[in-house]
């Protein structure tokens, strides 16, 4: 009797779909990955050490971000993790943005931050955080952090990817060449207002 494997194939595809949806960084088949041009015998503890957060100075004005992703710290390749240090003078904001490849877990080290994200149902979740408080921004959601206090705030963010990616909403909307007519219709305004927004450099 001929065996029809088509139903079995459909079942296997259906079962594997959720795995594809929840996939993160690809798994590696070794403990760690070194650059192809590097001799493995030359690897020491220095390769696994990142010192880029040592000399963080307080900015006079404006939010600053110091990253420790795979680009800055190659030892993270294949490890599905990265970090960032965020420094906020009073009144500064990390503008609305998304990380398409990772969730973000933020912890406030000093000062206070007001944070929030928007889910796919367009619901806004906000919280005021103090030192030691943590907040998670789900993967791919639009989110922000704002220092409305009177002193500098510092936070650390951990990401579930060595390359979480960053899409700045203001830059993506106003600095990528989208036609003014499209933007005016999208925001239910006129082209003159869109031109003013572009000229004002919203970041």
C-alpha atoms as a PDB file:
ATOM      1  CA  UNK A   1       0.000   0.000   0.000  1.00  0.00           C
ATOM      2  CA  UNK A   2       1.388   3.393  -0.960  1.00  0.00           C
ATOM      3  CA  UNK A   3       2.003   5.708   1.985  1.00  0.00           C
ATOM      4  CA  UNK A   4       0.899   9.298   1.525  1.00  0.00           C
ATOM      5  CA  UNK A   5       3.384  11.526   3.395  1.00  0.00           C
ATOM      6  CA  UNK A   6       1.671  14.799   2.474  1.00  0.00           C
ATOM      7  CA  UNK A   7      -0.426  15.042   5.698  1.00  0.00           C
ATOM      8  CA  UNK A   8       2.681  14.233   7.756  1.00  0.00           C
ATOM      9  CA  UNK A   9       4.599  17.008   5.966  1.00  0.00           C
ATOM     10  CA  UNK A  10       1.821  19.492   6.758  1.00  0.00           C
ATOM     11  CA  UNK A  11       1.887  18.491  10.431  1.00  0.00           C
ATOM     12  CA  UNK A  12       5.678  18.895  10.597  1.00  0.00           C
ATOM     13  CA  UNK A  13       5.500  22.310   8.946  1.00  0.00           C
ATOM     14  CA  UNK A  14       2.784  23.442  11.353  1.00  0.00           C
ATOM     15  CA  UNK A  15       4.827  22.286  14.351  1.00  0.00           C
ATOM     16  CA  UNK A  16       8.000  23.974  13.138  1.00  0.00           C
ATOM     17  CA  UNK A  17       6.367  27.357  12.441  1.00  0.00           C
ATOM     18  CA  UNK A  18       6.383  28.491  16.094  1.00  0.00           C
ATOM     19  CA  UNK A  19      10.074  27.609  16.331  1.00  0.00           C
ATOM     20  CA  UNK A  20      10.849  29.930  13.434  1.00  0.00           C
ATOM     21  CA  UNK A  21       8.818  32.700  15.010  1.00  0.00           C
ATOM     22  CA  UNK A  22      10.690  32.487  18.331  1.00  0.00           C
ATOM     23  CA  UNK A  23      14.153  31.999  16.833  1.00  0.00           C
ATOM     24  CA  UNK A  24      16.837  34.422  18.000  1.00  0.00           C
ATOM     25  CA  UNK A  25      20.519  34.546  17.189  1.00  0.00           C
ATOM     26  CA  UNK A  26      21.652  31.338  15.483  1.00  0.00           C
ATOM     27  CA  UNK A  27      23.169  28.699  17.739  1.00  0.00           C
ATOM     28  CA  UNK A  28      26.873  28.049  17.376  1.00  0.00           C
ATOM     29  CA  UNK A  29      28.587  24.669  17.434  1.00  0.00           C
ATOM     30  CA  UNK A  30      31.496  25.761  19.608  1.00  0.00           C
ATOM     31  CA  UNK A  31      31.965  27.491  22.940  1.00  0.00           C
ATOM     32  CA  UNK A  32      32.744  30.780  21.200  1.00  0.00           C
ATOM     33  CA  UNK A  33      33.521  32.273  17.794  1.00  0.00           C
ATOM     34  CA  UNK A  34      36.791  33.973  16.927  1.00  0.00           C
ATOM     35  CA  UNK A  35      37.541  36.022  13.806  1.00  0.00           C
ATOM     36  CA  UNK A  36      38.714  33.915  10.875  1.00  0.00           C
ATOM     37  CA  UNK A  37      41.998  35.819  10.737  1.00  0.00           C
ATOM     38  CA  UNK A  38      42.841  35.053  14.386  1.00  0.00           C
ATOM     39  CA  UNK A  39      45.044  32.177  15.475  1.00  0.00           C
ATOM     40  CA  UNK A  40      43.118  30.281  18.206  1.00  0.00           C
ATOM     41  CA  UNK A  41      46.309  29.802  20.232  1.00  0.00           C
ATOM     42  CA  UNK A  42      46.634  33.581  20.529  1.00  0.00           C
ATOM     43  CA  UNK A  43      43.263  33.967  22.296  1.00  0.00           C
ATOM     44  CA  UNK A  44      43.558  35.066  25.937  1.00  0.00           C
ATOM     45  CA  UNK A  45      41.195  36.497  28.525  1.00  0.00           C
ATOM     46  CA  UNK A  46      41.649  39.876  26.837  1.00  0.00           C
ATOM     47  CA  UNK A  47      39.437  38.695  23.963  1.00  0.00           C
ATOM     48  CA  UNK A  48      36.545  38.159  26.393  1.00  0.00           C
ATOM     49  CA  UNK A  49      37.001  41.520  28.146  1.00  0.00           C
ATOM     50  CA  UNK A  50      35.314  44.813  27.216  1.00  0.00           C
ATOM     51  CA  UNK A  51      36.431  48.031  28.916  1.00  0.00           C
ATOM     52  CA  UNK A  52      34.360  50.537  26.951  1.00  0.00           C
ATOM     53  CA  UNK A  53      32.211  51.453  29.966  1.00  0.00           C
ATOM     54  CA  UNK A  54      35.151  52.535  32.157  1.00  0.00           C
ATOM     55  CA  UNK A  55      35.523  56.149  31.106  1.00  0.00           C
ATOM     56  CA  UNK A  56      31.927  57.249  30.660  1.00  0.00           C
ATOM     57  CA  UNK A  57      31.716  61.005  31.211  1.00  0.00           C
ATOM     58  CA  UNK A  58      28.513  62.879  31.944  1.00  0.00           C
ATOM     59  CA  UNK A  59      27.385  64.687  28.785  1.00  0.00           C
ATOM     60  CA  UNK A  60      26.767  68.418  29.105  1.00  0.00           C
ATOM     61  CA  UNK A  61      23.615  68.152  27.026  1.00  0.00           C
ATOM     62  CA  UNK A  62      21.691  65.360  25.402  1.00  0.00           C
ATOM     63  CA  UNK A  63      21.281  61.645  25.836  1.00  0.00           C
ATOM     64  CA  UNK A  64      24.325  59.465  25.089  1.00  0.00           C
ATOM     65  CA  UNK A  65      24.549  55.757  24.347  1.00  0.00           C
ATOM     66  CA  UNK A  66      27.637  53.570  24.711  1.00  0.00           C
ATOM     67  CA  UNK A  67      27.165  50.144  23.127  1.00  0.00           C
ATOM     68  CA  UNK A  68      28.760  46.775  23.762  1.00  0.00           C
ATOM     69  CA  UNK A  69      27.354  44.760  20.852  1.00  0.00           C
ATOM     70  CA  UNK A  70      29.152  42.330  18.579  1.00  0.00           C
ATOM     71  CA  UNK A  71      30.483  45.290  16.556  1.00  0.00           C
ATOM     72  CA  UNK A  72      32.279  46.784  19.565  1.00  0.00           C
ATOM     73  CA  UNK A  73      32.939  43.505  21.395  1.00  0.00           C
ATOM     74  CA  UNK A  74      33.553  40.647  18.895  1.00  0.00           C
ATOM     75  CA  UNK A  75      33.574  37.982  21.633  1.00  0.00           C
ATOM     76  CA  UNK A  76      29.779  38.355  21.760  1.00  0.00           C
ATOM     77  CA  UNK A  77      29.455  36.676  18.355  1.00  0.00           C
ATOM     78  CA  UNK A  78      27.171  33.671  18.871  1.00  0.00           C
ATOM     79  CA  UNK A  79      26.432  34.466  22.521  1.00  0.00           C
ATOM     80  CA  UNK A  80      22.939  36.041  22.023  1.00  0.00           C
ATOM     81  CA  UNK A  81      23.614  38.844  24.485  1.00  0.00           C
ATOM     82  CA  UNK A  82      24.822  42.465  24.458  1.00  0.00           C
ATOM     83  CA  UNK A  83      24.787  45.563  26.645  1.00  0.00           C
ATOM     84  CA  UNK A  84      24.464  49.319  26.435  1.00  0.00           C
ATOM     85  CA  UNK A  85      25.111  52.127  28.903  1.00  0.00           C
ATOM     86  CA  UNK A  86      22.684  55.041  28.690  1.00  0.00           C
ATOM     87  CA  UNK A  87      23.385  58.467  30.201  1.00  0.00           C
ATOM     88  CA  UNK A  88      20.634  61.086  30.507  1.00  0.00           C
ATOM     89  CA  UNK A  89      21.285  64.673  31.613  1.00  0.00           C
ATOM     90  CA  UNK A  90      18.169  66.337  33.093  1.00  0.00           C
ATOM     91  CA  UNK A  91      15.456  66.815  30.475  1.00  0.00           C
ATOM     92  CA  UNK A  92      17.023  64.482  27.897  1.00  0.00           C
ATOM     93  CA  UNK A  93      15.271  61.650  26.090  1.00  0.00           C
ATOM     94  CA  UNK A  94      16.200  58.485  24.247  1.00  0.00           C
ATOM     95  CA  UNK A  95      13.766  59.060  21.353  1.00  0.00           C
ATOM     96  CA  UNK A  96      11.153  56.507  20.331  1.00  0.00           C
ATOM     97  CA  UNK A  97      12.840  53.515  18.730  1.00  0.00           C
ATOM     98  CA  UNK A  98      12.675  49.744  18.323  1.00  0.00           C
ATOM     99  CA  UNK A  99      15.101  46.824  18.490  1.00  0.00           C
ATOM    100  CA  UNK A 100      13.946  44.403  15.781  1.00  0.00           C
ATOM    101  CA  UNK A 101      16.068  41.469  16.946  1.00  0.00           C
ATOM    102  CA  UNK A 102      15.938  41.592  20.747  1.00  0.00           C
ATOM    103  CA  UNK A 103      14.044  42.348  23.909  1.00  0.00           C
ATOM    104  CA  UNK A 104      15.663  44.931  26.180  1.00  0.00           C
ATOM    105  CA  UNK A 105      15.996  44.677  29.965  1.00  0.00           C
ATOM    106  CA  UNK A 106      16.866  48.073  31.452  1.00  0.00           C
ATOM    107  CA  UNK A 107      18.069  48.716  35.014  1.00  0.00           C
ATOM    108  CA  UNK A 108      18.494  52.200  36.444  1.00  0.00           C
ATOM    109  CA  UNK A 109      21.849  52.679  38.202  1.00  0.00           C
ATOM    110  CA  UNK A 110      21.546  56.355  39.184  1.00  0.00           C
ATOM    111  CA  UNK A 111      18.775  58.947  39.040  1.00  0.00           C
ATOM    112  CA  UNK A 112      15.258  58.401  37.778  1.00  0.00           C
ATOM    113  CA  UNK A 113      13.741  57.628  34.372  1.00  0.00           C
ATOM    114  CA  UNK A 114      10.242  57.658  32.932  1.00  0.00           C
ATOM    115  CA  UNK A 115       9.922  54.837  30.408  1.00  0.00           C
ATOM    116  CA  UNK A 116       7.275  53.343  28.178  1.00  0.00           C
ATOM    117  CA  UNK A 117       6.494  51.088  25.235  1.00  0.00           C
ATOM    118  CA  UNK A 118       3.588  50.565  22.855  1.00  0.00           C
ATOM    119  CA  UNK A 119       2.328  47.067  22.081  1.00  0.00           C
ATOM    120  CA  UNK A 120       0.814  45.846  18.817  1.00  0.00           C
ATOM    121  CA  UNK A 121      -2.665  46.812  20.052  1.00  0.00           C
ATOM    122  CA  UNK A 122      -1.421  50.432  20.352  1.00  0.00           C
ATOM    123  CA  UNK A 123      -1.621  50.310  24.141  1.00  0.00           C
ATOM    124  CA  UNK A 124       0.952  52.413  26.008  1.00  0.00           C
ATOM    125  CA  UNK A 125       2.645  50.981  29.127  1.00  0.00           C
ATOM    126  CA  UNK A 126       4.601  53.492  31.247  1.00  0.00           C
ATOM    127  CA  UNK A 127       6.507  53.485  34.514  1.00  0.00           C
ATOM    128  CA  UNK A 128       8.662  55.806  36.611  1.00  0.00           C
ATOM    129  CA  UNK A 129      11.869  54.071  37.669  1.00  0.00           C
ATOM    130  CA  UNK A 130      14.412  54.743  40.408  1.00  0.00           C
ATOM    131  CA  UNK A 131      17.827  53.245  41.213  1.00  0.00           C
ATOM    132  CA  UNK A 132      17.719  49.454  41.128  1.00  0.00           C
ATOM    133  CA  UNK A 133      14.404  49.305  39.259  1.00  0.00           C
ATOM    134  CA  UNK A 134      14.171  47.202  36.098  1.00  0.00           C
ATOM    135  CA  UNK A 135      11.839  47.391  33.110  1.00  0.00           C
ATOM    136  CA  UNK A 136      11.537  45.115  30.085  1.00  0.00           C
ATOM    137  CA  UNK A 137      10.804  46.356  26.566  1.00  0.00           C
ATOM    138  CA  UNK A 138       9.429  43.452  24.510  1.00  0.00           C
ATOM    139  CA  UNK A 139      11.170  42.659  21.265  1.00  0.00           C
ATOM    140  CA  UNK A 140      10.250  44.930  18.356  1.00  0.00           C
ATOM    141  CA  UNK A 141       8.040  47.321  20.347  1.00  0.00           C
ATOM    142  CA  UNK A 142       8.355  51.105  20.017  1.00  0.00           C
ATOM    143  CA  UNK A 143       9.734  52.463  23.293  1.00  0.00           C
ATOM    144  CA  UNK A 144      11.517  55.394  24.940  1.00  0.00           C
ATOM    145  CA  UNK A 145      13.255  56.581  28.099  1.00  0.00           C
ATOM    146  CA  UNK A 146      13.042  60.149  29.489  1.00  0.00           C
ATOM    147  CA  UNK A 147      14.821  61.878  32.370  1.00  0.00           C
ATOM    148  CA  UNK A 148      12.396  64.410  33.769  1.00  0.00           C
ATOM    149  CA  UNK A 149      14.379  64.742  36.993  1.00  0.00           C
ATOM    150  CA  UNK A 150      16.905  67.357  38.073  1.00  0.00           C
ATOM    151  CA  UNK A 151      20.019  65.181  38.066  1.00  0.00           C
ATOM    152  CA  UNK A 152      21.783  62.928  35.586  1.00  0.00           C
ATOM    153  CA  UNK A 153      20.400  59.409  35.231  1.00  0.00           C
ATOM    154  CA  UNK A 154      22.416  56.370  34.204  1.00  0.00           C
ATOM    155  CA  UNK A 155      21.048  52.993  33.149  1.00  0.00           C
ATOM    156  CA  UNK A 156      22.308  49.708  31.756  1.00  0.00           C
ATOM    157  CA  UNK A 157      20.394  47.764  29.131  1.00  0.00           C
ATOM    158  CA  UNK A 158      20.840  44.065  28.395  1.00  0.00           C
ATOM    159  CA  UNK A 159      19.686  42.664  25.042  1.00  0.00           C
ATOM    160  CA  UNK A 160      18.826  39.103  24.020  1.00  0.00           C
ATOM    161  CA  UNK A 161      20.961  39.364  20.881  1.00  0.00           C
ATOM    162  CA  UNK A 162      24.565  40.176  20.054  1.00  0.00           C
ATOM    163  CA  UNK A 163      23.181  42.495  17.354  1.00  0.00           C
ATOM    164  CA  UNK A 164      19.810  43.818  18.585  1.00  0.00           C
ATOM    165  CA  UNK A 165      19.511  46.459  15.872  1.00  0.00           C
ATOM    166  CA  UNK A 166      18.074  49.937  16.293  1.00  0.00           C
ATOM    167  CA  UNK A 167      15.372  51.719  14.311  1.00  0.00           C
ATOM    168  CA  UNK A 168      14.896  55.333  15.413  1.00  0.00           C
ATOM    169  CA  UNK A 169      11.279  56.301  14.740  1.00  0.00           C
ATOM    170  CA  UNK A 170      11.965  60.037  14.152  1.00  0.00           C
ATOM    171  CA  UNK A 171      14.881  59.297  11.823  1.00  0.00           C
ATOM    172  CA  UNK A 172      13.040  56.515  10.017  1.00  0.00           C
ATOM    173  CA  UNK A 173      10.029  58.762   9.428  1.00  0.00           C
ATOM    174  CA  UNK A 174      11.577  62.166   8.784  1.00  0.00           C
ATOM    175  CA  UNK A 175      15.126  61.499   7.557  1.00  0.00           C
ATOM    176  CA  UNK A 176      14.849  58.680   5.017  1.00  0.00           C
ATOM    177  CA  UNK A 177      13.329  60.470   2.041  1.00  0.00           C
ATOM    178  CA  UNK A 178       9.701  59.405   2.437  1.00  0.00           C
ATOM    179  CA  UNK A 179       7.637  61.675   0.200  1.00  0.00           C
ATOM    180  CA  UNK A 180       6.106  64.668   2.013  1.00  0.00           C
ATOM    181  CA  UNK A 181       2.693  63.863   0.562  1.00  0.00           C
ATOM    182  CA  UNK A 182       2.798  60.364   2.039  1.00  0.00           C
ATOM    183  CA  UNK A 183       3.843  61.732   5.444  1.00  0.00           C
ATOM    184  CA  UNK A 184       1.223  64.490   5.386  1.00  0.00           C
ATOM    185  CA  UNK A 185      -1.529  61.972   4.650  1.00  0.00           C
ATOM    186  CA  UNK A 186      -0.157  59.539   7.235  1.00  0.00           C
ATOM    187  CA  UNK A 187      -0.128  62.185   9.975  1.00  0.00           C
ATOM    188  CA  UNK A 188      -3.330  63.881   8.746  1.00  0.00           C
ATOM    189  CA  UNK A 189      -1.596  67.232   8.330  1.00  0.00           C
ATOM    190  CA  UNK A 190      -0.216  69.367   5.492  1.00  0.00           C
ATOM    191  CA  UNK A 191       3.097  69.208   3.672  1.00  0.00           C
ATOM    192  CA  UNK A 192       4.261  72.541   5.135  1.00  0.00           C
ATOM    193  CA  UNK A 193       4.060  71.039   8.640  1.00  0.00           C
ATOM    194  CA  UNK A 194       6.002  67.977   7.489  1.00  0.00           C
ATOM    195  CA  UNK A 195       8.712  70.216   6.014  1.00  0.00           C
ATOM    196  CA  UNK A 196       8.976  72.100   9.317  1.00  0.00           C
ATOM    197  CA  UNK A 197       9.329  68.824  11.199  1.00  0.00           C
ATOM    198  CA  UNK A 198      12.056  67.662   8.830  1.00  0.00           C
ATOM    199  CA  UNK A 199      13.885  70.993   9.082  1.00  0.00           C
ATOM    200  CA  UNK A 200      13.750  71.056  12.881  1.00  0.00           C
ATOM    201  CA  UNK A 201      15.811  67.858  13.160  1.00  0.00           C
ATOM    202  CA  UNK A 202      13.536  66.124  15.692  1.00  0.00           C
ATOM    203  CA  UNK A 203      16.304  64.026  17.265  1.00  0.00           C
END
